[in-house]
Amino acid sequence: MPTTRGEINSDVLSRALKLASEGPSDIHDFADTRIQGLVLRVRGKSASWLFKTRDQTKKLGTPPRVGIREARRLAEQARAEQNRRSEQQPVEMPAPALELKWTWGDLAEKYVSHISGARIKHGNVREPSQSTIQDMRQSFARSALTSWNERQLFSLTAIELSDAVQCIMNSVSYRQACKMLAYIKAALTWAYSNDPRASGLGTVVPWWQAIRAPQPTGEQVTLIKSRQRPTAVENFSARQVALMLVRHEDFCRSGLGSGRITPAVRFGIWWAALTVVRRGAATKLSQADVRWSDPKLPDGWMMACWPATVVKHKRDLWLPIPPLGVQILKALQRDWRAAVNKSHGAAHTTKWLFPSNRRIGRIATTNDVALSPSSLNTHLANMRGKRKANYRNHLDDLPHFSLHSLRSAATTYLVENANVPDGAASAFLGHALPGDSDPQIAKLARTTDAYYNLAQHIPMKMKAIEAWSEAILDEYRKLGRTISF
């Protein structure tokens, strides 16, 4: 937990608020040297004034509602109250073990660190999943849990957990509430099993293990039913994908979103619609992962390879990219270069195909940031009016869909297309085909024709993605639009 010491002034406060807006993964304290014990703490997306002594931590308020001068006054007041209590009451030395008891903030940090490395689950070694880590961090940073950050674990109750789950059900979604509850239960059980003494849970009955997600309300049941896969698959087609892209382009040009839409987000939606690679991996491509020209492909095509480390099935995924995809990537590079030249200067370069305009990451040593996998989902939420500055649903004439619905739409179209050979849809989506487990195939060199044909099924993938690309463009034109990037 990094700590910066010095007199807290307006510059330090601005720096802390900016850091909080970025949502750092670790805690950062700014300790004031003018008033001993006054600390400005940044945890997740929140900043808080604290008065800290060896025996206690008291929250004084949050900036900018509580300014620097008021925070110092409250810190002095807290010190006076502490001195008054110590004069009136006999001094009792705290039990040594009390200092070891974890807070909820401690547990969140330790558990995320635990799942970030290899671990044993059901007797097997489980490698870390970046998407799971990201989901867990997002769940633990929910506003319903921020008030727990300084609470010791043994003091949490079933009522408080139930209230937090209900809050997420009402403000976000039933699914996210269930996910948050599962992560909280897993984290508490891990602490109870691995370090009951230091966590303070050793003397507590594990009440959380019996808690289940509450039943959703009638309105929530209706919404969940509308989002179930059979309904979404039936109602989401190539035409619906094209209509989504029309609404997306209109929204990007309107300036109605909460904040500027970056080139990586704008073209990331197009890329996800074309390649239908899962959201967690779709934009995780570096410049080294693509071949802008390939002698085995027609003119105007290129090759992209998603490394096994970012793909769900943990095997390299190669896709031939048709001219529409090449046009998307070149337009992205052009617009990103123009934006970064304006904001940071021409000296900034990137190794990513979908780079963020932000050049410095949450870790100070990171100066080349890729687009976060969750950014595309955030953009769709923005279009649905669920983010600040936009309260209109720009997708209200479409059935409910997620980015995963793009895969379903492509599958339905390709399976029903008589010109696409059997198995091409599965190859395109990265599903395993009969014979893929043959150990001889795994030994093929990545540059050979046999690898292209047998291990990666490139000829079948070409037919599938070409048909899907033409379907999207045809429907897009029928809606009176042309590609203008």
Protein backbone atom coordinates (compact mmCIF):
# COMPACT_ATOMS: atom_id res chain seq x y z
CA MET A 1 0.00 0.00 0.00
CA PRO A 2 1.95 3.08 -1.19
CA THR A 3 2.00 6.16 1.04
CA THR A 4 2.98 9.69 -0.02
CA ARG A 5 3.95 12.07 2.82
CA GLY A 6 3.86 15.84 2.58
CA GLU A 7 1.62 18.80 3.21
CA ILE A 8 -1.74 18.19 1.52
CA ASN A 9 -2.58 21.14 -0.71
CA SER A 10 -4.89 21.71 -3.66
CA ASP A 11 -2.45 20.03 -6.06
CA VAL A 12 -2.26 16.91 -3.90
CA LEU A 13 -6.07 16.85 -3.58
CA SER A 14 -6.48 17.14 -7.36
CA ARG A 15 -3.98 14.34 -7.87
CA ALA A 16 -5.86 12.10 -5.42
CA LEU A 17 -9.23 12.77 -7.06
CA LYS A 18 -7.78 12.06 -10.49
CA LEU A 19 -6.28 8.80 -9.19
CA ALA A 20 -9.67 7.83 -7.72
CA SER A 21 -11.41 8.49 -11.05
CA GLU A 22 -9.07 5.92 -12.65
CA GLY A 23 -9.98 3.28 -10.04
CA PRO A 24 -6.51 1.99 -8.97
CA SER A 25 -6.26 -1.67 -7.96
CA ASP A 26 -4.33 -0.89 -4.77
CA ILE A 27 -4.78 1.56 -1.88
CA HIS A 28 -2.83 4.85 -1.91
CA ASP A 29 -2.51 7.09 1.16
CA PHE A 30 -1.54 10.77 1.16
CA ALA A 31 -0.37 11.51 4.72
CA ASP A 32 -0.45 15.17 5.80
CA THR A 33 2.69 16.40 7.54
CA ARG A 34 0.95 19.51 8.86
CA ILE A 35 -1.70 17.68 10.91
CA GLN A 36 -0.36 14.40 12.27
CA GLY A 37 -2.79 11.57 11.67
CA LEU A 38 -4.68 13.22 8.80
CA VAL A 39 -4.71 10.92 5.76
CA LEU A 40 -6.34 11.25 2.34
CA ARG A 41 -6.94 7.64 1.21
CA VAL A 42 -7.75 6.49 -2.35
CA ARG A 43 -9.30 3.03 -2.54
CA GLY A 44 -10.95 1.90 -5.78
CA LYS A 45 -12.92 4.81 -7.19
CA SER A 46 -13.41 6.57 -3.84
CA ALA A 47 -11.34 9.04 -1.85
CA SER A 48 -11.80 9.59 1.91
CA TRP A 49 -10.40 11.81 4.66
CA LEU A 50 -9.24 9.70 7.62
CA PHE A 51 -7.85 10.45 11.06
CA LYS A 52 -5.49 7.61 11.94
CA THR A 53 -3.74 6.79 15.18
CA ARG A 54 -2.13 3.61 16.42
CA ASP A 55 -5.40 2.59 18.08
CA GLN A 56 -8.11 3.72 15.70
CA THR A 57 -9.07 4.99 12.27
CA LYS A 58 -11.94 7.48 11.94
CA LYS A 59 -13.51 8.59 8.66
CA LEU A 60 -13.93 12.36 8.47
CA GLY A 61 -15.72 12.69 5.13
CA THR A 62 -15.08 12.64 1.39
CA PRO A 63 -13.65 15.28 -0.94
CA PRO A 64 -14.59 17.58 -2.55
CA ARG A 65 -17.59 17.86 -0.14
CA VAL A 66 -15.10 18.14 2.71
CA GLY A 67 -12.22 20.41 1.72
CA ILE A 68 -8.66 20.55 3.07
CA ARG A 69 -9.35 23.20 5.70
CA GLU A 70 -12.45 21.40 6.99
CA ALA A 71 -10.59 18.06 7.04
CA ARG A 72 -7.84 19.58 9.21
CA ARG A 73 -10.45 21.05 11.58
CA LEU A 74 -12.19 17.68 11.88
CA ALA A 75 -8.84 15.93 12.46
CA GLU A 76 -8.02 18.33 15.32
CA GLN A 77 -11.48 17.76 16.74
CA ALA A 78 -11.03 13.97 16.56
CA ARG A 79 -7.67 14.26 18.31
CA ALA A 80 -9.21 16.36 21.09
CA GLU A 81 -12.03 13.85 21.56
CA GLN A 82 -9.50 11.02 21.73
CA ASN A 83 -7.40 12.87 24.33
CA ARG A 84 -10.54 13.62 26.37
CA ARG A 85 -11.56 9.97 26.40
CA SER A 86 -8.07 8.81 27.36
CA GLU A 87 -8.07 11.22 30.34
CA GLN A 88 -11.46 10.02 31.54
CA GLN A 89 -10.92 6.29 31.11
CA PRO A 90 -8.17 3.99 32.35
CA VAL A 91 -5.74 2.99 29.66
CA GLU A 92 -6.26 -0.58 28.48
CA MET A 93 -3.68 -2.21 26.28
CA PRO A 94 -5.37 -3.86 23.29
CA ALA A 95 -4.90 -7.57 22.81
CA PRO A 96 -1.92 -8.14 20.48
CA ALA A 97 -4.00 -10.27 18.13
CA LEU A 98 -6.48 -7.41 17.60
CA GLU A 99 -4.01 -5.59 15.36
CA LEU A 100 -3.96 -8.60 13.03
CA LYS A 101 -7.68 -8.69 12.29
CA TRP A 102 -8.34 -8.00 8.62
CA THR A 103 -10.72 -5.39 7.35
CA TRP A 104 -12.95 -6.00 4.33
CA GLY A 105 -10.52 -3.87 2.30
CA ASP A 106 -7.67 -6.12 3.38
CA LEU A 107 -9.58 -9.24 2.34
CA ALA A 108 -10.54 -7.83 -1.07
CA GLU A 109 -6.91 -6.99 -1.77
CA LYS A 110 -5.55 -10.33 -0.52
CA TYR A 111 -8.14 -12.47 -2.30
CA VAL A 112 -7.65 -10.76 -5.66
CA SER A 113 -3.91 -11.29 -5.21
CA HIS A 114 -4.60 -14.98 -4.46
CA ILE A 115 -6.62 -15.64 -7.63
CA SER A 116 -4.08 -13.70 -9.70
CA GLY A 117 -1.70 -16.65 -9.40
CA ALA A 118 -1.94 -20.36 -10.11
CA ARG A 119 -3.97 -22.26 -7.49
CA ILE A 120 -5.43 -25.70 -6.82
CA LYS A 121 -9.15 -26.24 -7.44
CA HIS A 122 -10.83 -29.66 -7.28
CA GLY A 123 -7.40 -31.26 -7.23
CA ASN A 124 -6.27 -29.58 -10.46
CA VAL A 125 -3.99 -26.61 -11.09
CA ARG A 126 -6.07 -23.62 -12.15
CA GLU A 127 -4.22 -20.90 -14.05
CA PRO A 128 -5.33 -17.30 -13.42
CA SER A 129 -8.08 -15.87 -15.62
CA GLN A 130 -7.75 -12.17 -16.37
CA SER A 131 -11.47 -11.83 -17.09
CA THR A 132 -12.33 -13.37 -13.69
CA ILE A 133 -9.85 -11.08 -11.95
CA GLN A 134 -11.37 -8.06 -13.69
CA ASP A 135 -14.92 -9.16 -12.80
CA MET A 136 -13.95 -9.68 -9.17
CA ARG A 137 -12.27 -6.29 -8.89
CA GLN A 138 -15.36 -4.68 -10.39
CA SER A 139 -17.63 -6.52 -7.95
CA PHE A 140 -15.53 -5.59 -4.91
CA ALA A 141 -15.48 -1.93 -6.03
CA ARG A 142 -19.30 -1.68 -6.09
CA SER A 143 -20.62 1.29 -4.15
CA ALA A 144 -22.66 -1.06 -1.96
CA LEU A 145 -19.39 -2.41 -0.50
CA THR A 146 -17.32 0.76 -0.17
CA SER A 147 -18.66 1.42 3.35
CA TRP A 148 -17.18 -1.93 4.40
CA ASN A 149 -13.61 -1.03 3.53
CA GLU A 150 -12.55 -0.17 7.10
CA ARG A 151 -14.79 -2.77 8.77
CA GLN A 152 -13.16 -5.77 10.41
CA LEU A 153 -14.37 -9.01 8.89
CA PHE A 154 -15.68 -10.56 12.09
CA SER A 155 -18.06 -7.60 12.56
CA LEU A 156 -19.90 -8.07 9.25
CA THR A 157 -23.40 -9.51 9.45
CA ALA A 158 -25.81 -11.42 7.25
CA ILE A 159 -28.16 -8.42 7.21
CA GLU A 160 -25.44 -6.16 5.81
CA LEU A 161 -24.57 -8.71 3.11
CA SER A 162 -28.24 -9.08 2.21
CA ASP A 163 -28.63 -5.29 2.00
CA ALA A 164 -25.61 -5.03 -0.32
CA VAL A 165 -26.96 -7.75 -2.62
CA GLN A 166 -30.39 -6.08 -2.75
CA CYS A 167 -28.75 -2.75 -3.56
CA ILE A 168 -26.94 -4.23 -6.58
CA MET A 169 -30.12 -6.02 -7.68
CA ASN A 170 -31.99 -2.72 -7.73
CA SER A 171 -29.25 -0.46 -9.13
CA VAL A 172 -27.39 -2.77 -11.55
CA SER A 173 -28.89 -6.19 -12.32
CA TYR A 174 -29.88 -9.48 -10.74
CA ARG A 175 -27.03 -11.28 -12.50
CA GLN A 176 -24.40 -8.86 -11.17
CA ALA A 177 -25.86 -9.21 -7.66
CA CYS A 178 -25.52 -13.00 -7.87
CA LYS A 179 -21.97 -12.69 -9.16
CA MET A 180 -20.98 -10.27 -6.38
CA LEU A 181 -22.49 -12.58 -3.73
CA ALA A 182 -20.57 -15.58 -5.11
CA TYR A 183 -17.28 -13.66 -5.01
CA ILE A 184 -17.90 -12.39 -1.47
CA LYS A 185 -18.72 -15.90 -0.20
CA ALA A 186 -15.64 -17.34 -1.90
CA ALA A 187 -13.40 -14.65 -0.40
CA LEU A 188 -14.77 -15.08 3.13
CA THR A 189 -14.47 -18.87 2.92
CA TRP A 190 -10.89 -18.55 1.66
CA ALA A 191 -9.99 -16.30 4.62
CA TYR A 192 -11.82 -18.60 7.07
CA SER A 193 -9.98 -21.66 5.71
CA ASN A 194 -6.50 -20.25 5.11
CA ASP A 195 -5.90 -17.72 7.88
CA PRO A 196 -8.65 -17.86 10.52
CA ARG A 197 -6.49 -16.22 13.19
CA ALA A 198 -5.26 -13.16 11.28
CA SER A 199 -8.56 -12.64 9.46
CA GLY A 200 -10.50 -12.76 12.73
CA LEU A 201 -12.97 -15.30 11.33
CA GLY A 202 -11.69 -18.22 13.39
CA THR A 203 -14.15 -17.50 16.22
CA VAL A 204 -17.08 -16.76 13.86
CA VAL A 205 -19.65 -19.25 12.63
CA PRO A 206 -19.38 -19.11 8.79
CA TRP A 207 -22.89 -17.66 8.40
CA TRP A 208 -22.26 -16.55 4.80
CA GLN A 209 -22.09 -20.12 3.48
CA ALA A 210 -25.83 -20.62 3.94
CA ILE A 211 -26.84 -17.42 2.14
CA ARG A 212 -28.35 -17.74 -1.33
CA ALA A 213 -29.23 -15.06 -3.83
CA PRO A 214 -32.73 -13.71 -3.12
CA GLN A 215 -35.56 -14.27 -5.57
CA PRO A 216 -35.86 -11.40 -8.07
CA THR A 217 -38.96 -9.23 -8.18
CA GLY A 218 -41.65 -9.71 -10.80
CA GLU A 219 -40.20 -6.88 -12.89
CA GLN A 220 -36.73 -8.40 -12.66
CA VAL A 221 -38.08 -11.84 -13.64
CA THR A 222 -39.63 -10.29 -16.76
CA LEU A 223 -36.32 -8.64 -17.65
CA ILE A 224 -34.35 -11.85 -17.04
CA LYS A 225 -36.77 -13.80 -19.21
CA SER A 226 -36.33 -11.32 -22.06
CA ARG A 227 -32.57 -11.78 -21.82
CA GLN A 228 -32.54 -15.57 -21.85
CA ARG A 229 -30.50 -17.00 -24.69
CA PRO A 230 -33.30 -18.66 -26.72
CA THR A 231 -35.19 -15.35 -26.96
CA ALA A 232 -32.07 -13.34 -27.71
CA VAL A 233 -30.87 -15.80 -30.38
CA GLU A 234 -34.24 -15.91 -32.12
CA ASN A 235 -34.56 -12.12 -32.25
CA PHE A 236 -30.96 -11.18 -33.03
CA SER A 237 -29.92 -11.64 -36.66
CA ALA A 238 -27.52 -10.15 -39.21
CA ARG A 239 -30.04 -7.36 -39.74
CA GLN A 240 -30.14 -6.64 -36.01
CA VAL A 241 -26.33 -6.52 -35.93
CA ALA A 242 -26.35 -4.01 -38.81
CA LEU A 243 -29.01 -1.91 -37.05
CA MET A 244 -26.90 -1.95 -33.87
CA LEU A 245 -23.95 -0.66 -35.91
CA VAL A 246 -26.13 2.11 -37.39
CA ARG A 247 -27.21 3.19 -33.90
CA HIS A 248 -23.61 2.92 -32.73
CA GLU A 249 -22.30 5.19 -35.50
CA ASP A 250 -25.07 7.74 -34.90
CA PHE A 251 -24.32 7.73 -31.18
CA CYS A 252 -20.58 8.19 -31.72
CA ARG A 253 -21.21 11.22 -33.94
CA SER A 254 -23.90 12.76 -31.71
CA GLY A 255 -21.65 13.48 -28.75
CA LEU A 256 -24.44 12.38 -26.38
CA GLY A 257 -22.34 9.89 -24.45
CA SER A 258 -20.75 10.32 -21.04
CA GLY A 259 -17.31 11.42 -22.18
CA ARG A 260 -15.51 11.28 -25.50
CA ILE A 261 -15.74 7.97 -27.37
CA THR A 262 -12.23 6.83 -28.24
CA PRO A 263 -11.26 5.29 -31.60
CA ALA A 264 -10.60 1.95 -29.87
CA VAL A 265 -14.18 1.83 -28.57
CA ARG A 266 -15.77 3.03 -31.81
CA PHE A 267 -13.95 0.53 -34.01
CA GLY A 268 -13.89 -2.14 -31.29
CA ILE A 269 -17.68 -2.51 -31.67
CA TRP A 270 -17.25 -3.01 -35.44
CA TRP A 271 -14.41 -5.49 -34.83
CA ALA A 272 -16.48 -7.49 -32.33
CA ALA A 273 -19.39 -7.62 -34.79
CA LEU A 274 -17.16 -8.87 -37.61
CA THR A 275 -14.90 -11.36 -35.81
CA VAL A 276 -17.43 -12.43 -33.10
CA VAL A 277 -14.51 -13.28 -30.84
CA ARG A 278 -15.55 -13.32 -27.17
CA ARG A 279 -15.51 -9.90 -25.47
CA GLY A 280 -12.66 -10.77 -23.12
CA ALA A 281 -10.30 -11.47 -26.02
CA ALA A 282 -11.71 -9.56 -29.03
CA THR A 283 -9.52 -6.47 -28.63
CA LYS A 284 -6.55 -8.16 -26.90
CA LEU A 285 -4.32 -8.00 -29.95
CA SER A 286 -0.84 -6.57 -30.25
CA GLN A 287 0.82 -5.46 -33.47
CA ALA A 288 2.87 -8.66 -33.30
CA ASP A 289 -0.34 -10.75 -33.41
CA VAL A 290 -1.27 -9.77 -36.99
CA ARG A 291 0.13 -10.22 -40.47
CA TRP A 292 -0.99 -7.32 -42.63
CA SER A 293 -0.38 -9.49 -45.69
CA ASP A 294 -0.21 -13.25 -46.01
CA PRO A 295 0.75 -15.16 -49.17
CA LYS A 296 -1.83 -17.84 -48.33
CA LEU A 297 -4.68 -15.31 -48.38
CA PRO A 298 -6.26 -13.29 -51.22
CA ASP A 299 -5.17 -9.70 -51.85
CA GLY A 300 -6.71 -7.29 -49.36
CA TRP A 301 -6.95 -9.89 -46.61
CA MET A 302 -4.82 -10.18 -43.45
CA MET A 303 -4.28 -12.72 -40.67
CA ALA A 304 -4.86 -12.23 -36.93
CA CYS A 305 -3.83 -14.61 -34.17
CA TRP A 306 -5.20 -14.48 -30.64
CA PRO A 307 -2.63 -16.09 -28.30
CA ALA A 308 -3.73 -19.06 -26.21
CA THR A 309 -3.29 -16.97 -23.04
CA VAL A 310 -6.26 -14.72 -23.90
CA VAL A 311 -8.58 -17.29 -25.53
CA LYS A 312 -11.14 -19.24 -23.48
CA HIS A 313 -10.19 -22.66 -24.85
CA LYS A 314 -6.46 -21.91 -24.26
CA ARG A 315 -5.42 -22.67 -27.85
CA ASP A 316 -4.13 -20.18 -30.41
CA LEU A 317 -7.02 -18.80 -32.46
CA TRP A 318 -6.15 -17.75 -36.01
CA LEU A 319 -8.65 -15.85 -38.15
CA PRO A 320 -8.34 -14.66 -41.74
CA ILE A 321 -9.58 -11.07 -41.81
CA PRO A 322 -11.49 -9.84 -44.89
CA PRO A 323 -11.17 -6.33 -46.40
CA LEU A 324 -13.82 -4.91 -44.04
CA GLY A 325 -11.68 -5.89 -41.05
CA VAL A 326 -8.56 -4.40 -42.62
CA GLN A 327 -10.49 -1.17 -43.22
CA ILE A 328 -11.63 -1.14 -39.57
CA LEU A 329 -8.08 -1.52 -38.24
CA LYS A 330 -6.59 1.09 -40.57
CA ALA A 331 -9.30 3.61 -39.68
CA LEU A 332 -8.67 2.90 -35.99
CA GLN A 333 -4.93 3.49 -36.37
CA ARG A 334 -5.53 6.73 -38.29
CA ASP A 335 -7.97 8.18 -35.74
CA TRP A 336 -5.95 7.04 -32.72
CA ARG A 337 -2.82 8.62 -34.13
CA ALA A 338 -4.61 11.92 -34.73
CA ALA A 339 -6.12 11.93 -31.22
CA VAL A 340 -2.88 11.07 -29.42
CA ASN A 341 -0.87 13.56 -31.49
CA LYS A 342 -3.26 16.23 -30.24
CA SER A 343 -3.36 15.15 -26.59
CA HIS A 344 0.13 13.74 -25.98
CA GLY A 345 2.32 14.49 -28.98
CA ALA A 346 3.69 12.51 -31.91
CA ALA A 347 6.36 10.77 -29.81
CA HIS A 348 3.81 8.34 -28.33
CA THR A 349 3.63 4.94 -29.99
CA THR A 350 1.77 1.76 -29.11
CA LYS A 351 2.23 -1.98 -29.43
CA TRP A 352 -1.54 -2.56 -29.34
CA LEU A 353 -4.05 -2.79 -32.18
CA PHE A 354 -6.75 -1.39 -29.88
CA PRO A 355 -4.86 1.10 -27.71
CA SER A 356 -6.42 3.37 -25.15
CA ASN A 357 -5.98 7.12 -25.64
CA ARG A 358 -4.83 7.16 -22.02
CA ARG A 359 -1.09 6.64 -22.10
CA ILE A 360 -0.42 6.06 -18.39
CA GLY A 361 -2.09 3.07 -16.76
CA ARG A 362 -3.16 2.41 -13.20
CA ILE A 363 0.35 1.13 -12.56
CA ALA A 364 2.66 4.12 -12.83
CA THR A 365 5.24 2.22 -14.89
CA THR A 366 2.67 1.38 -17.59
CA ASN A 367 2.89 3.92 -20.41
CA ASP A 368 1.10 2.01 -23.18
CA VAL A 369 -2.43 1.02 -22.23
CA ALA A 370 -4.68 -1.30 -24.21
CA LEU A 371 -8.46 -0.99 -24.35
CA SER A 372 -10.07 -2.68 -21.34
CA PRO A 373 -12.31 -5.65 -22.29
CA SER A 374 -15.14 -4.12 -20.26
CA SER A 375 -15.05 -0.85 -22.22
CA LEU A 376 -17.26 -2.22 -25.01
CA ASN A 377 -19.91 -3.31 -22.51
CA THR A 378 -19.68 0.09 -20.84
CA HIS A 379 -20.25 1.70 -24.23
CA LEU A 380 -23.42 -0.37 -24.79
CA ALA A 381 -24.65 0.64 -21.31
CA ASN A 382 -23.94 4.24 -22.29
CA MET A 383 -26.04 3.82 -25.44
CA ARG A 384 -28.86 2.35 -23.35
CA GLY A 385 -28.96 5.49 -21.19
CA LYS A 386 -27.43 3.85 -18.12
CA ARG A 387 -24.46 6.19 -17.81
CA LYS A 388 -24.11 9.85 -16.89
CA ALA A 389 -25.03 12.56 -19.41
CA ASN A 390 -27.23 10.27 -21.51
CA TYR A 391 -30.68 9.24 -20.31
CA ARG A 392 -32.15 8.03 -23.59
CA ASN A 393 -32.03 4.41 -24.75
CA HIS A 394 -30.60 4.54 -28.27
CA LEU A 395 -31.07 0.77 -28.64
CA ASP A 396 -34.75 0.65 -27.67
CA ASP A 397 -35.80 -0.61 -31.13
CA LEU A 398 -33.56 -3.68 -30.78
CA PRO A 399 -34.19 -6.83 -28.73
CA HIS A 400 -32.00 -7.06 -25.65
CA PHE A 401 -28.55 -8.33 -26.58
CA SER A 402 -25.03 -8.61 -25.28
CA LEU A 403 -21.79 -8.80 -27.21
CA HIS A 404 -22.07 -12.57 -26.89
CA SER A 405 -25.31 -12.37 -28.89
CA LEU A 406 -23.16 -11.46 -31.91
CA ARG A 407 -21.76 -15.00 -31.84
CA SER A 408 -25.26 -16.45 -31.76
CA ALA A 409 -26.38 -14.27 -34.67
CA ALA A 410 -23.36 -15.32 -36.75
CA THR A 411 -23.90 -18.99 -35.93
CA THR A 412 -27.57 -18.88 -36.94
CA TYR A 413 -26.80 -17.10 -40.21
CA LEU A 414 -23.91 -19.37 -41.20
CA VAL A 415 -25.65 -22.64 -40.31
CA GLU A 416 -28.64 -21.64 -42.45
CA ASN A 417 -26.46 -20.48 -45.37
CA ALA A 418 -26.29 -23.22 -47.98
CA ASN A 419 -23.08 -21.77 -49.43
CA VAL A 420 -21.15 -22.22 -46.18
CA PRO A 421 -19.77 -25.76 -45.66
CA ASP A 422 -20.61 -27.83 -42.59
CA GLY A 423 -18.30 -27.10 -39.70
CA ALA A 424 -17.29 -23.67 -40.99
CA ALA A 425 -19.39 -21.85 -38.40
CA SER A 426 -17.83 -23.85 -35.54
CA ALA A 427 -14.33 -23.28 -36.92
CA PHE A 428 -15.02 -19.55 -37.24
CA LEU A 429 -16.23 -19.32 -33.63
CA GLY A 430 -13.20 -21.24 -32.36
CA HIS A 431 -15.08 -24.38 -31.35
CA ALA A 432 -13.25 -27.72 -31.37
CA LEU A 433 -13.90 -29.94 -34.40
CA PRO A 434 -13.54 -33.72 -34.65
CA GLY A 435 -9.87 -34.61 -34.87
CA ASP A 436 -8.60 -31.41 -33.26
CA SER A 437 -7.38 -33.41 -30.27
CA ASP A 438 -5.07 -35.52 -32.45
CA PRO A 439 -1.58 -35.15 -30.91
CA GLN A 440 -0.04 -35.17 -34.39
CA ILE A 441 -1.94 -31.97 -35.24
CA ALA A 442 -0.56 -30.30 -32.13
CA LYS A 443 2.98 -30.94 -33.43
CA LEU A 444 2.46 -29.11 -36.73
CA ALA A 445 4.65 -26.05 -37.33
CA ARG A 446 2.65 -22.80 -37.29
CA THR A 447 3.96 -21.72 -40.70
CA THR A 448 3.05 -24.81 -42.70
CA ASP A 449 0.09 -25.37 -45.03
CA ALA A 450 -0.87 -28.39 -42.91
CA TYR A 451 -1.16 -26.18 -39.82
CA TYR A 452 -3.39 -23.71 -41.69
CA ASN A 453 -5.60 -26.45 -43.12
CA LEU A 454 -5.71 -29.03 -40.32
CA ALA A 455 -5.03 -27.27 -37.04
CA GLN A 456 -6.68 -23.91 -37.74
CA HIS A 457 -9.14 -24.79 -40.55
CA ILE A 458 -8.29 -21.53 -42.33
CA PRO A 459 -10.08 -22.41 -45.61
CA MET A 460 -13.35 -23.05 -43.75
CA LYS A 461 -12.89 -19.94 -41.61
CA MET A 462 -12.39 -17.86 -44.76
CA LYS A 463 -15.70 -18.99 -46.22
CA ALA A 464 -17.50 -18.34 -42.93
CA ILE A 465 -16.11 -14.87 -42.17
CA GLU A 466 -16.48 -13.78 -45.80
CA ALA A 467 -20.16 -14.78 -45.79
CA TRP A 468 -20.72 -13.09 -42.41
CA SER A 469 -18.92 -9.92 -43.52
CA GLU A 470 -21.02 -9.70 -46.69
CA ALA A 471 -24.21 -10.26 -44.68
CA ILE A 472 -23.39 -7.38 -42.32
CA LEU A 473 -22.49 -5.03 -45.18
CA ASP A 474 -25.58 -5.99 -47.18
CA GLU A 475 -27.92 -5.32 -44.26
CA TYR A 476 -26.05 -2.11 -43.42
CA ARG A 477 -26.59 -0.83 -46.97
CA LYS A 478 -30.27 -1.84 -46.89
CA LEU A 479 -30.61 0.50 -43.91
CA GLY A 480 -29.44 3.33 -46.18
CA ARG A 481 -25.88 3.52 -44.88
CA THR A 482 -22.44 3.16 -46.40
CA ILE A 483 -19.11 2.62 -44.69
CA SER A 484 -17.70 6.12 -44.15
CA PHE A 485 -14.53 5.53 -42.20
